[in-house]
Amino acid sequence: MTSESVQSLIDQLEAEAEMDRPTDETPEIGIIMGSDSDLDVMAGSESGRPGAYDVLTDELDFVEQTDYEDAPDARFTFETFVVSAHRTPELMYAYAETAEDRGLDVIIAGAGGKSADLPNMTASIAYPLPVIGVPVQEKSLPSVIGMPQGAPIVAVDAGKSFNAALSAVQILARHHPELRERLVEYHQGLKQDVGEVSRSLHELGTPDFREK
């Protein structure tokens, strides 16, 4: 039996799929995770590794969309949900089944534990929409990448939702030159940072560089 809170989310997703809104008013990227305990990996943590939320908002100027009927004043947006493959399979099915009709172009799906089935099942249901799987933990990696022939999923290394978001935007950039420019600018910044660090290390010497 479906709980009231889950059923309300399913109803919301199905209603959004029927709205047929313009693509510039719907999120391009969907981020889902099996539990809110995965949020530090999927979004990023102030005390740990940056995540998908960090790169999308801080580096590539995406905005998180929280209201389907009142889109933010930004061309490129993403949405975030908790969707458990094992505890709320009906919600997972509804999310994946309605994703394309709701305007999504790519899904980033993260799950932890040894039975990290959310990315795989989402990829199967949402096909042919591309899904990028994020193993939240090392032990999740075999489960996420273990898809049979004919059931594709793209996956990143354990914990690296940051790279998953970059890959998602690379997919979008094939049809949006503006996003391609943002990606190139971001990469140029990485190269600039390496050059500055290299010069500083060379000119200061190792002891002074470490102290700095």
N, C-alpha and C. Protein backbone atom coordinates (compact mmCIF):
# COMPACT_ATOMS: atom_id res chain seq x y z
N MET A 1 0.85 -1.20 0.00
CA MET A 1 0.00 0.00 0.00
C MET A 1 0.89 1.25 0.00
N THR A 2 0.59 2.18 -0.90
CA THR A 2 1.38 3.40 -1.04
C THR A 2 0.99 4.41 0.03
N SER A 3 2.01 5.00 0.69
CA SER A 3 1.73 5.99 1.72
C SER A 3 1.21 7.27 1.09
N GLU A 4 0.56 8.09 1.92
CA GLU A 4 -0.02 9.34 1.42
C GLU A 4 1.04 10.28 0.87
N SER A 5 2.18 10.37 1.56
CA SER A 5 3.24 11.28 1.11
C SER A 5 3.84 10.84 -0.21
N VAL A 6 4.03 9.53 -0.37
CA VAL A 6 4.57 9.02 -1.63
C VAL A 6 3.56 9.17 -2.76
N GLN A 7 2.30 8.88 -2.48
CA GLN A 7 1.28 9.00 -3.51
C GLN A 7 1.13 10.44 -3.99
N SER A 8 1.29 11.39 -3.07
CA SER A 8 1.19 12.79 -3.47
C SER A 8 2.31 13.17 -4.42
N LEU A 9 3.51 12.61 -4.20
CA LEU A 9 4.62 12.86 -5.11
C LEU A 9 4.38 12.21 -6.47
N ILE A 10 3.85 11.01 -6.46
CA ILE A 10 3.53 10.33 -7.72
C ILE A 10 2.50 11.14 -8.50
N ASP A 11 1.47 11.60 -7.82
CA ASP A 11 0.43 12.41 -8.47
C ASP A 11 1.03 13.69 -9.04
N GLN A 12 1.95 14.29 -8.30
CA GLN A 12 2.60 15.52 -8.76
C GLN A 12 3.40 15.26 -10.04
N LEU A 13 4.18 14.19 -10.05
CA LEU A 13 4.99 13.86 -11.23
C LEU A 13 4.11 13.59 -12.44
N GLU A 14 3.06 12.85 -12.24
CA GLU A 14 2.16 12.52 -13.35
C GLU A 14 1.43 13.76 -13.87
N ALA A 15 1.07 14.66 -12.96
CA ALA A 15 0.41 15.91 -13.37
C ALA A 15 1.38 16.79 -14.16
N GLU A 16 2.63 16.85 -13.73
CA GLU A 16 3.64 17.64 -14.44
C GLU A 16 3.87 17.08 -15.85
N ALA A 17 3.82 15.77 -15.98
CA ALA A 17 4.03 15.14 -17.29
C ALA A 17 2.93 15.49 -18.27
N GLU A 18 1.76 15.83 -17.75
CA GLU A 18 0.62 16.17 -18.61
C GLU A 18 0.60 17.65 -18.99
N MET A 19 1.45 18.46 -18.39
CA MET A 19 1.39 19.91 -18.59
C MET A 19 1.96 20.37 -19.92
N ASP A 20 2.88 19.62 -20.48
CA ASP A 20 3.49 19.97 -21.77
C ASP A 20 4.02 21.40 -21.75
N ARG A 21 4.87 21.72 -20.76
CA ARG A 21 5.42 23.05 -20.62
C ARG A 21 6.62 23.24 -21.56
N PRO A 22 6.94 24.48 -21.93
CA PRO A 22 8.11 24.75 -22.78
C PRO A 22 9.38 24.25 -22.11
N THR A 23 10.34 23.80 -22.92
CA THR A 23 11.56 23.22 -22.37
C THR A 23 12.37 24.21 -21.53
N ASP A 24 12.24 25.51 -21.81
CA ASP A 24 13.00 26.48 -21.03
C ASP A 24 12.36 26.74 -19.67
N GLU A 25 11.22 26.10 -19.39
CA GLU A 25 10.56 26.23 -18.09
C GLU A 25 10.61 24.95 -17.27
N THR A 26 11.31 23.95 -17.79
CA THR A 26 11.42 22.67 -17.09
C THR A 26 12.89 22.36 -16.81
N PRO A 27 13.18 21.60 -15.77
CA PRO A 27 14.59 21.28 -15.47
C PRO A 27 15.20 20.35 -16.52
N GLU A 28 16.44 20.63 -16.87
CA GLU A 28 17.16 19.78 -17.82
C GLU A 28 17.73 18.53 -17.15
N ILE A 29 18.13 18.67 -15.90
CA ILE A 29 18.79 17.57 -15.18
C ILE A 29 17.98 17.20 -13.95
N GLY A 30 17.80 15.91 -13.75
CA GLY A 30 17.18 15.40 -12.54
C GLY A 30 18.23 14.71 -11.68
N ILE A 31 18.30 15.06 -10.41
CA ILE A 31 19.21 14.41 -9.47
C ILE A 31 18.36 13.64 -8.47
N ILE A 32 18.57 12.33 -8.40
CA ILE A 32 17.83 11.51 -7.44
C ILE A 32 18.82 10.69 -6.62
N MET A 33 18.40 10.36 -5.41
CA MET A 33 19.26 9.56 -4.52
C MET A 33 18.37 8.65 -3.68
N GLY A 34 18.94 7.56 -3.22
CA GLY A 34 18.15 6.58 -2.50
C GLY A 34 17.77 6.99 -1.10
N SER A 35 18.52 7.92 -0.50
CA SER A 35 18.26 8.36 0.87
C SER A 35 18.85 9.75 1.06
N ASP A 36 18.28 10.50 2.01
CA ASP A 36 18.86 11.81 2.27
C ASP A 36 20.24 11.69 2.91
N SER A 37 20.59 10.50 3.40
CA SER A 37 21.95 10.29 3.91
C SER A 37 22.98 10.34 2.79
N ASP A 38 22.53 10.25 1.54
CA ASP A 38 23.42 10.34 0.38
C ASP A 38 23.68 11.78 -0.05
N LEU A 39 23.04 12.74 0.62
CA LEU A 39 23.07 14.12 0.14
C LEU A 39 24.47 14.72 0.12
N ASP A 40 25.28 14.41 1.14
CA ASP A 40 26.64 14.96 1.16
C ASP A 40 27.45 14.53 -0.05
N VAL A 41 27.20 13.32 -0.53
CA VAL A 41 27.90 12.83 -1.72
C VAL A 41 27.28 13.42 -2.98
N MET A 42 25.97 13.42 -3.05
CA MET A 42 25.29 13.84 -4.28
C MET A 42 25.30 15.36 -4.47
N ALA A 43 25.20 16.10 -3.40
CA ALA A 43 25.19 17.57 -3.50
C ALA A 43 26.56 18.15 -3.26
N GLY A 44 27.28 17.58 -2.31
CA GLY A 44 28.57 18.11 -1.90
C GLY A 44 28.54 18.49 -0.44
N SER A 45 29.68 18.45 0.20
CA SER A 45 29.76 18.74 1.62
C SER A 45 30.82 19.80 1.87
N GLU A 46 30.52 20.71 2.79
CA GLU A 46 31.48 21.76 3.12
C GLU A 46 32.77 21.18 3.69
N SER A 47 32.67 20.04 4.35
CA SER A 47 33.85 19.44 4.96
C SER A 47 34.45 18.31 4.13
N GLY A 48 33.87 18.03 2.98
CA GLY A 48 34.36 16.92 2.16
C GLY A 48 34.43 17.28 0.70
N ARG A 49 34.26 16.27 -0.14
CA ARG A 49 34.37 16.43 -1.58
C ARG A 49 33.18 17.21 -2.15
N PRO A 50 33.41 18.14 -3.07
CA PRO A 50 32.28 18.83 -3.72
C PRO A 50 31.47 17.85 -4.56
N GLY A 51 30.20 18.19 -4.78
CA GLY A 51 29.31 17.28 -5.49
C GLY A 51 28.60 17.92 -6.66
N ALA A 52 27.56 17.23 -7.13
CA ALA A 52 26.83 17.67 -8.31
C ALA A 52 26.23 19.06 -8.12
N TYR A 53 25.63 19.29 -6.95
CA TYR A 53 25.04 20.61 -6.70
C TYR A 53 26.09 21.71 -6.80
N ASP A 54 27.27 21.44 -6.24
CA ASP A 54 28.33 22.46 -6.23
C ASP A 54 28.76 22.85 -7.63
N VAL A 55 29.01 21.87 -8.48
CA VAL A 55 29.49 22.21 -9.82
C VAL A 55 28.40 22.86 -10.66
N LEU A 56 27.16 22.41 -10.51
CA LEU A 56 26.08 22.98 -11.30
C LEU A 56 25.81 24.43 -10.92
N THR A 57 25.79 24.71 -9.62
CA THR A 57 25.43 26.07 -9.19
C THR A 57 26.63 27.01 -9.16
N ASP A 58 27.77 26.53 -8.67
CA ASP A 58 28.93 27.41 -8.47
C ASP A 58 29.76 27.61 -9.73
N GLU A 59 29.83 26.58 -10.57
CA GLU A 59 30.72 26.64 -11.73
C GLU A 59 29.99 26.83 -13.05
N LEU A 60 28.77 26.30 -13.18
CA LEU A 60 28.11 26.28 -14.48
C LEU A 60 26.80 27.07 -14.51
N ASP A 61 26.49 27.79 -13.43
CA ASP A 61 25.36 28.74 -13.39
C ASP A 61 24.00 28.09 -13.61
N PHE A 62 23.83 26.86 -13.18
CA PHE A 62 22.50 26.26 -13.14
C PHE A 62 21.80 26.73 -11.86
N VAL A 63 20.48 26.63 -11.85
CA VAL A 63 19.68 26.98 -10.68
C VAL A 63 18.80 25.79 -10.34
N GLU A 64 18.67 25.50 -9.05
CA GLU A 64 17.80 24.40 -8.64
C GLU A 64 16.34 24.83 -8.75
N GLN A 65 15.55 24.02 -9.43
CA GLN A 65 14.13 24.32 -9.63
C GLN A 65 13.31 23.52 -8.62
N THR A 66 12.56 24.21 -7.78
CA THR A 66 11.77 23.56 -6.74
C THR A 66 10.27 23.63 -7.00
N ASP A 67 9.87 24.39 -7.99
CA ASP A 67 8.45 24.54 -8.31
C ASP A 67 8.29 24.41 -9.81
N TYR A 68 7.60 23.37 -10.24
CA TYR A 68 7.44 23.10 -11.67
C TYR A 68 6.60 24.18 -12.36
N GLU A 69 5.66 24.76 -11.62
CA GLU A 69 4.77 25.75 -12.22
C GLU A 69 5.32 27.16 -12.15
N ASP A 70 6.35 27.37 -11.37
CA ASP A 70 6.95 28.70 -11.22
C ASP A 70 8.45 28.56 -11.43
N ALA A 71 8.87 28.49 -12.69
CA ALA A 71 10.27 28.25 -13.01
C ALA A 71 11.13 29.44 -12.61
N PRO A 72 12.34 29.18 -12.13
CA PRO A 72 13.24 30.29 -11.79
C PRO A 72 13.68 31.04 -13.03
N ASP A 73 14.18 32.23 -12.83
CA ASP A 73 14.61 33.08 -13.94
C ASP A 73 16.02 32.67 -14.37
N ALA A 74 16.11 31.47 -14.92
CA ALA A 74 17.39 30.93 -15.40
C ALA A 74 17.08 29.95 -16.52
N ARG A 75 17.93 29.96 -17.54
CA ARG A 75 17.65 29.08 -18.68
C ARG A 75 17.89 27.62 -18.36
N PHE A 76 18.89 27.32 -17.54
CA PHE A 76 19.23 25.93 -17.27
C PHE A 76 19.05 25.63 -15.78
N THR A 77 18.28 24.58 -15.53
CA THR A 77 17.93 24.25 -14.15
C THR A 77 18.01 22.75 -13.90
N PHE A 78 17.94 22.38 -12.63
CA PHE A 78 17.91 20.97 -12.25
C PHE A 78 16.97 20.80 -11.06
N GLU A 79 16.54 19.57 -10.81
CA GLU A 79 15.66 19.26 -9.69
C GLU A 79 16.28 18.15 -8.85
N THR A 80 15.84 18.02 -7.60
CA THR A 80 16.41 17.03 -6.69
C THR A 80 15.31 16.32 -5.92
N PHE A 81 15.38 14.99 -5.88
CA PHE A 81 14.42 14.18 -5.15
C PHE A 81 15.12 13.03 -4.43
N VAL A 82 14.52 12.55 -3.35
CA VAL A 82 14.89 11.27 -2.74
C VAL A 82 13.93 10.22 -3.26
N VAL A 83 14.49 9.18 -3.88
CA VAL A 83 13.68 8.12 -4.49
C VAL A 83 14.34 6.78 -4.15
N SER A 84 13.73 6.01 -3.29
CA SER A 84 14.32 4.74 -2.88
C SER A 84 13.80 3.60 -3.76
N ALA A 85 14.73 2.86 -4.35
CA ALA A 85 14.34 1.72 -5.19
C ALA A 85 13.70 0.61 -4.38
N HIS A 86 14.11 0.45 -3.13
CA HIS A 86 13.63 -0.66 -2.31
C HIS A 86 12.45 -0.29 -1.42
N ARG A 87 12.45 0.94 -0.91
CA ARG A 87 11.37 1.34 0.00
C ARG A 87 10.20 2.00 -0.73
N THR A 88 10.48 2.66 -1.85
CA THR A 88 9.40 3.31 -2.62
C THR A 88 9.55 2.98 -4.10
N PRO A 89 9.45 1.71 -4.47
CA PRO A 89 9.62 1.35 -5.89
C PRO A 89 8.60 2.02 -6.79
N GLU A 90 7.40 2.26 -6.27
CA GLU A 90 6.37 2.91 -7.09
C GLU A 90 6.76 4.35 -7.42
N LEU A 91 7.42 5.03 -6.48
CA LEU A 91 7.88 6.39 -6.74
C LEU A 91 9.03 6.39 -7.75
N MET A 92 9.94 5.44 -7.60
CA MET A 92 11.04 5.31 -8.56
C MET A 92 10.48 5.09 -9.97
N TYR A 93 9.50 4.22 -10.08
CA TYR A 93 8.92 3.93 -11.39
C TYR A 93 8.25 5.18 -11.97
N ALA A 94 7.49 5.89 -11.14
CA ALA A 94 6.80 7.09 -11.62
C ALA A 94 7.80 8.16 -12.04
N TYR A 95 8.86 8.33 -11.25
CA TYR A 95 9.86 9.34 -11.59
C TYR A 95 10.51 9.03 -12.93
N ALA A 96 10.96 7.81 -13.10
CA ALA A 96 11.65 7.44 -14.34
C ALA A 96 10.71 7.45 -15.54
N GLU A 97 9.50 6.99 -15.34
CA GLU A 97 8.53 6.89 -16.44
C GLU A 97 8.09 8.27 -16.93
N THR A 98 8.01 9.26 -16.02
CA THR A 98 7.54 10.59 -16.41
C THR A 98 8.67 11.55 -16.76
N ALA A 99 9.92 11.13 -16.55
CA ALA A 99 11.05 12.05 -16.66
C ALA A 99 11.10 12.78 -18.01
N GLU A 100 10.99 12.04 -19.08
CA GLU A 100 11.11 12.67 -20.41
C GLU A 100 9.93 13.60 -20.68
N ASP A 101 8.73 13.18 -20.32
CA ASP A 101 7.55 14.02 -20.55
C ASP A 101 7.58 15.27 -19.69
N ARG A 102 8.30 15.24 -18.58
CA ARG A 102 8.40 16.42 -17.72
C ARG A 102 9.53 17.35 -18.16
N GLY A 103 10.23 16.98 -19.23
CA GLY A 103 11.23 17.87 -19.81
C GLY A 103 12.67 17.56 -19.47
N LEU A 104 12.91 16.52 -18.68
CA LEU A 104 14.28 16.19 -18.32
C LEU A 104 15.04 15.65 -19.54
N ASP A 105 16.31 15.98 -19.61
CA ASP A 105 17.17 15.49 -20.69
C ASP A 105 18.17 14.44 -20.21
N VAL A 106 18.47 14.44 -18.93
CA VAL A 106 19.42 13.48 -18.36
C VAL A 106 19.16 13.38 -16.86
N ILE A 107 19.39 12.19 -16.32
CA ILE A 107 19.19 11.93 -14.90
C ILE A 107 20.51 11.51 -14.27
N ILE A 108 20.80 12.07 -13.10
CA ILE A 108 21.92 11.61 -12.27
C ILE A 108 21.31 10.87 -11.09
N ALA A 109 21.66 9.60 -10.94
CA ALA A 109 21.06 8.77 -9.89
C ALA A 109 22.14 8.18 -9.01
N GLY A 110 22.03 8.43 -7.71
CA GLY A 110 23.03 7.92 -6.77
C GLY A 110 22.41 7.00 -5.75
N ALA A 111 23.14 5.97 -5.37
CA ALA A 111 22.65 5.04 -4.35
C ALA A 111 23.84 4.40 -3.65
N GLY A 112 23.64 4.05 -2.38
CA GLY A 112 24.69 3.44 -1.59
C GLY A 112 24.34 2.02 -1.19
N GLY A 113 25.25 1.39 -0.44
CA GLY A 113 25.05 0.01 -0.02
C GLY A 113 25.44 -0.98 -1.10
N LYS A 114 25.36 -2.26 -0.78
CA LYS A 114 25.71 -3.30 -1.75
C LYS A 114 24.62 -3.50 -2.79
N SER A 115 23.39 -3.17 -2.43
CA SER A 115 22.27 -3.31 -3.38
C SER A 115 21.85 -1.93 -3.85
N ALA A 116 22.73 -1.29 -4.58
CA ALA A 116 22.49 0.08 -5.06
C ALA A 116 21.75 0.01 -6.39
N ASP A 117 20.46 -0.28 -6.34
CA ASP A 117 19.69 -0.58 -7.55
C ASP A 117 19.04 0.63 -8.20
N LEU A 118 19.00 1.77 -7.50
CA LEU A 118 18.28 2.92 -8.05
C LEU A 118 18.79 3.37 -9.41
N PRO A 119 20.10 3.56 -9.61
CA PRO A 119 20.56 3.99 -10.94
C PRO A 119 20.19 3.00 -12.04
N ASN A 120 20.36 1.70 -11.76
CA ASN A 120 20.11 0.68 -12.78
C ASN A 120 18.64 0.61 -13.17
N MET A 121 17.78 0.57 -12.16
CA MET A 121 16.35 0.46 -12.44
C MET A 121 15.84 1.73 -13.11
N THR A 122 16.33 2.88 -12.67
CA THR A 122 15.92 4.14 -13.30
C THR A 122 16.33 4.16 -14.76
N ALA A 123 17.55 3.68 -15.04
CA ALA A 123 18.02 3.64 -16.43
C ALA A 123 17.14 2.73 -17.28
N SER A 124 16.70 1.62 -16.72
CA SER A 124 15.86 0.68 -17.47
C SER A 124 14.49 1.27 -17.77
N ILE A 125 13.92 1.96 -16.78
CA ILE A 125 12.56 2.49 -16.95
C ILE A 125 12.57 3.76 -17.79
N ALA A 126 13.57 4.61 -17.61
CA ALA A 126 13.61 5.90 -18.31
C ALA A 126 14.14 5.78 -19.73
N TYR A 127 14.70 4.65 -20.11
CA TYR A 127 15.28 4.45 -21.44
C TYR A 127 14.32 4.96 -22.52
N PRO A 128 14.83 5.73 -23.52
CA PRO A 128 16.24 5.97 -23.88
C PRO A 128 16.87 7.23 -23.25
N LEU A 129 16.22 7.82 -22.25
CA LEU A 129 16.82 8.97 -21.56
C LEU A 129 18.12 8.52 -20.89
N PRO A 130 19.22 9.26 -21.08
CA PRO A 130 20.49 8.83 -20.47
C PRO A 130 20.46 9.00 -18.95
N VAL A 131 21.03 8.02 -18.27
CA VAL A 131 21.14 8.04 -16.81
C VAL A 131 22.60 7.86 -16.43
N ILE A 132 23.08 8.72 -15.55
CA ILE A 132 24.45 8.63 -15.05
C ILE A 132 24.39 8.15 -13.61
N GLY A 133 24.99 7.00 -13.35
CA GLY A 133 24.93 6.41 -12.03
C GLY A 133 26.09 6.85 -11.16
N VAL A 134 25.79 7.11 -9.89
CA VAL A 134 26.82 7.49 -8.91
C VAL A 134 26.80 6.46 -7.78
N PRO A 135 27.81 5.60 -7.68
CA PRO A 135 27.90 4.73 -6.50
C PRO A 135 28.30 5.60 -5.30
N VAL A 136 27.45 5.68 -4.31
CA VAL A 136 27.71 6.56 -3.18
C VAL A 136 28.89 6.04 -2.35
N GLN A 137 29.06 4.72 -2.33
CA GLN A 137 30.16 4.11 -1.59
C GLN A 137 30.93 3.16 -2.52
N GLU A 138 32.14 2.80 -2.13
CA GLU A 138 32.94 1.85 -2.93
C GLU A 138 32.20 0.54 -3.13
N LYS A 139 31.53 0.07 -2.06
CA LYS A 139 30.84 -1.21 -2.15
C LYS A 139 29.62 -1.16 -3.07
N SER A 140 29.21 0.05 -3.46
CA SER A 140 28.07 0.21 -4.36
C SER A 140 28.46 0.08 -5.82
N LEU A 141 29.76 0.17 -6.12
CA LEU A 141 30.22 0.23 -7.50
C LEU A 141 29.80 -0.97 -8.34
N PRO A 142 30.02 -2.22 -7.90
CA PRO A 142 29.63 -3.36 -8.74
C PRO A 142 28.14 -3.38 -9.06
N SER A 143 27.32 -2.98 -8.09
CA SER A 143 25.88 -2.98 -8.32
C SER A 143 25.48 -1.97 -9.37
N VAL A 144 26.08 -0.77 -9.31
CA VAL A 144 25.70 0.30 -10.24
C VAL A 144 26.14 0.00 -11.67
N ILE A 145 27.34 -0.53 -11.84
CA ILE A 145 27.85 -0.75 -13.20
C ILE A 145 27.47 -2.11 -13.78
N GLY A 146 26.82 -2.95 -12.97
CA GLY A 146 26.56 -4.32 -13.42
C GLY A 146 25.30 -4.48 -14.24
N MET A 147 25.17 -3.73 -15.30
CA MET A 147 23.99 -3.83 -16.17
C MET A 147 24.25 -4.83 -17.30
N PRO A 148 23.23 -5.58 -17.71
CA PRO A 148 23.42 -6.54 -18.80
C PRO A 148 23.49 -5.86 -20.16
N GLN A 149 23.95 -6.59 -21.14
CA GLN A 149 24.02 -6.06 -22.51
C GLN A 149 22.63 -5.64 -22.97
N GLY A 150 22.57 -4.45 -23.58
CA GLY A 150 21.30 -3.92 -24.06
C GLY A 150 20.58 -3.04 -23.06
N ALA A 151 21.12 -2.95 -21.85
CA ALA A 151 20.53 -2.09 -20.82
C ALA A 151 21.62 -1.14 -20.33
N PRO A 152 21.89 -0.06 -21.07
CA PRO A 152 23.04 0.79 -20.78
C PRO A 152 22.85 1.73 -19.61
N ILE A 153 23.96 2.02 -18.95
CA ILE A 153 24.03 3.08 -17.96
C ILE A 153 25.45 3.63 -17.99
N VAL A 154 25.57 4.93 -17.86
CA VAL A 154 26.88 5.56 -17.71
C VAL A 154 27.12 5.70 -16.22
N ALA A 155 28.34 5.45 -15.75
CA ALA A 155 28.61 5.54 -14.32
C ALA A 155 29.95 6.23 -14.07
N VAL A 156 30.05 6.88 -12.92
CA VAL A 156 31.30 7.50 -12.48
C VAL A 156 31.84 6.70 -11.31
N ASP A 157 33.03 7.04 -10.86
CA ASP A 157 33.64 6.35 -9.74
C ASP A 157 32.88 6.67 -8.45
N ALA A 158 33.12 5.86 -7.45
CA ALA A 158 32.39 5.99 -6.18
C ALA A 158 32.53 7.40 -5.60
N GLY A 159 31.40 8.00 -5.27
CA GLY A 159 31.38 9.29 -4.61
C GLY A 159 31.54 10.50 -5.49
N LYS A 160 31.76 10.31 -6.78
CA LYS A 160 32.11 11.44 -7.64
C LYS A 160 30.90 11.99 -8.41
N SER A 161 29.93 12.49 -7.66
CA SER A 161 28.77 13.10 -8.32
C SER A 161 29.15 14.38 -9.04
N PHE A 162 30.25 15.02 -8.62
CA PHE A 162 30.76 16.20 -9.31
C PHE A 162 31.00 15.87 -10.78
N ASN A 163 31.69 14.74 -11.03
CA ASN A 163 31.96 14.33 -12.42
C ASN A 163 30.68 13.93 -13.14
N ALA A 164 29.74 13.36 -12.41
CA ALA A 164 28.46 13.00 -13.03
C ALA A 164 27.75 14.24 -13.56
N ALA A 165 27.79 15.33 -12.78
CA ALA A 165 27.16 16.57 -13.23
C ALA A 165 27.88 17.16 -14.44
N LEU A 166 29.20 17.10 -14.44
CA LEU A 166 29.95 17.58 -15.60
C LEU A 166 29.57 16.77 -16.84
N SER A 167 29.45 15.45 -16.69
CA SER A 167 29.08 14.60 -17.82
C SER A 167 27.67 14.92 -18.30
N ALA A 168 26.77 15.19 -17.37
CA ALA A 168 25.40 15.54 -17.75
C ALA A 168 25.38 16.81 -18.58
N VAL A 169 26.16 17.79 -18.18
CA VAL A 169 26.20 19.06 -18.92
C VAL A 169 26.90 18.87 -20.26
N GLN A 170 27.87 17.98 -20.33
CA GLN A 170 28.49 17.66 -21.63
C GLN A 170 27.44 17.13 -22.60
N ILE A 171 26.55 16.29 -22.12
CA ILE A 171 25.47 15.77 -22.97
C ILE A 171 24.59 16.92 -23.46
N LEU A 172 24.21 17.80 -22.54
CA LEU A 172 23.36 18.93 -22.91
C LEU A 172 24.06 19.89 -23.86
N ALA A 173 25.37 20.02 -23.70
CA ALA A 173 26.13 21.00 -24.49
C ALA A 173 26.14 20.68 -25.97
N ARG A 174 25.84 19.46 -26.34
CA ARG A 174 25.79 19.10 -27.77
C ARG A 174 24.69 19.89 -28.49
N HIS A 175 23.68 20.35 -27.73
CA HIS A 175 22.57 21.10 -28.32
C HIS A 175 22.47 22.53 -27.79
N HIS A 176 23.36 22.89 -26.87
CA HIS A 176 23.31 24.23 -26.28
C HIS A 176 24.71 24.82 -26.26
N PRO A 177 25.07 25.61 -27.27
CA PRO A 177 26.41 26.21 -27.34
C PRO A 177 26.79 27.00 -26.10
N GLU A 178 25.81 27.60 -25.45
CA GLU A 178 26.09 28.37 -24.24
C GLU A 178 26.69 27.48 -23.15
N LEU A 179 26.16 26.27 -23.04
CA LEU A 179 26.70 25.34 -22.04
C LEU A 179 28.09 24.86 -22.42
N ARG A 180 28.33 24.70 -23.72
CA ARG A 180 29.67 24.33 -24.17
C ARG A 180 30.68 25.40 -23.76
N GLU A 181 30.31 26.66 -23.92
CA GLU A 181 31.19 27.76 -23.53
C GLU A 181 31.47 27.74 -22.03
N ARG A 182 30.44 27.44 -21.24
CA ARG A 182 30.63 27.38 -19.79
C ARG A 182 31.59 26.24 -19.42
N LEU A 183 31.45 25.10 -20.08
CA LEU A 183 32.34 23.98 -19.80
C LEU A 183 33.79 24.30 -20.18
N VAL A 184 33.96 24.94 -21.33
CA VAL A 184 35.31 25.31 -21.76
C VAL A 184 35.92 26.31 -20.78
N GLU A 185 35.14 27.29 -20.36
CA GLU A 185 35.62 28.28 -19.40
C GLU A 185 36.02 27.62 -18.08
N TYR A 186 35.21 26.67 -17.63
CA TYR A 186 35.53 25.95 -16.39
C TYR A 186 36.85 25.20 -16.54
N HIS A 187 37.03 24.53 -17.67
CA HIS A 187 38.26 23.76 -17.88
C HIS A 187 39.47 24.67 -18.00
N GLN A 188 39.30 25.82 -18.63
CA GLN A 188 40.39 26.79 -18.72
C GLN A 188 40.80 27.25 -17.32
N GLY A 189 39.81 27.40 -16.44
CA GLY A 189 40.11 27.79 -15.07
C GLY A 189 40.93 26.74 -14.34
N LEU A 190 40.62 25.47 -14.59
CA LEU A 190 41.41 24.39 -14.00
C LEU A 190 42.86 24.45 -14.46
N LYS A 191 43.05 24.66 -15.75
CA LYS A 191 44.41 24.74 -16.28
C LYS A 191 45.16 25.94 -15.71
N GLN A 192 44.45 27.05 -15.59
CA GLN A 192 45.06 28.25 -15.03
C GLN A 192 45.52 27.99 -13.59
N ASP A 193 44.68 27.32 -12.82
CA ASP A 193 45.02 27.02 -11.43
C ASP A 193 46.27 26.15 -11.34
N VAL A 194 46.37 25.14 -12.22
CA VAL A 194 47.53 24.26 -12.21
C VAL A 194 48.79 25.05 -12.54
N GLY A 195 48.70 25.93 -13.53
CA GLY A 195 49.85 26.73 -13.91
C GLY A 195 50.32 27.63 -12.79
N GLU A 196 49.38 28.25 -12.09
CA GLU A 196 49.74 29.15 -10.99
C GLU A 196 50.36 28.38 -9.83
N VAL A 197 49.82 27.20 -9.53
CA VAL A 197 50.39 26.38 -8.45
C VAL A 197 51.79 25.91 -8.82
N SER A 198 51.96 25.49 -10.07
CA SER A 198 53.27 25.01 -10.52
C SER A 198 54.34 26.11 -10.40
N ARG A 199 54.00 27.30 -10.86
CA ARG A 199 54.95 28.42 -10.78
C ARG A 199 55.27 28.76 -9.32
N SER A 200 54.23 28.78 -8.49
CA SER A 200 54.44 29.11 -7.09
C SER A 200 55.34 28.08 -6.40
N LEU A 201 55.11 26.80 -6.67
CA LEU A 201 55.95 25.74 -6.09
C LEU A 201 57.39 25.89 -6.53
N HIS A 202 57.58 26.15 -7.83
CA HIS A 202 58.93 26.26 -8.37
C HIS A 202 59.67 27.47 -7.79
N GLU A 203 58.99 28.61 -7.73
CA GLU A 203 59.66 29.84 -7.32
C GLU A 203 59.86 29.94 -5.80
N LEU A 204 58.92 29.39 -5.03
CA LEU A 204 59.04 29.45 -3.58
C LEU A 204 59.93 28.34 -3.03
N GLY A 205 59.95 27.21 -3.73
CA GLY A 205 60.62 26.03 -3.21
C GLY A 205 59.67 25.25 -2.32
N THR A 206 59.93 23.96 -2.16
CA THR A 206 58.99 23.09 -1.46
C THR A 206 58.69 23.52 -0.02
N PRO A 207 59.72 23.82 0.83
CA PRO A 207 59.40 24.19 2.21
C PRO A 207 58.50 25.41 2.33
N ASP A 208 58.81 26.48 1.59
CA ASP A 208 58.02 27.70 1.67
C ASP A 208 56.63 27.50 1.06
N PHE A 209 56.56 26.70 0.01
CA PHE A 209 55.26 26.43 -0.61
C PHE A 209 54.35 25.70 0.37
N ARG A 210 54.93 24.70 1.06
CA ARG A 210 54.12 23.97 2.05
C ARG A 210 53.64 24.87 3.16
N GLU A 211 54.49 25.78 3.60
CA GLU A 211 54.12 26.69 4.67
C GLU A 211 53.03 27.64 4.21
N LYS A 212 53.14 28.07 2.96
CA LYS A 212 52.13 28.97 2.39
C LYS A 212 50.79 28.28 2.30
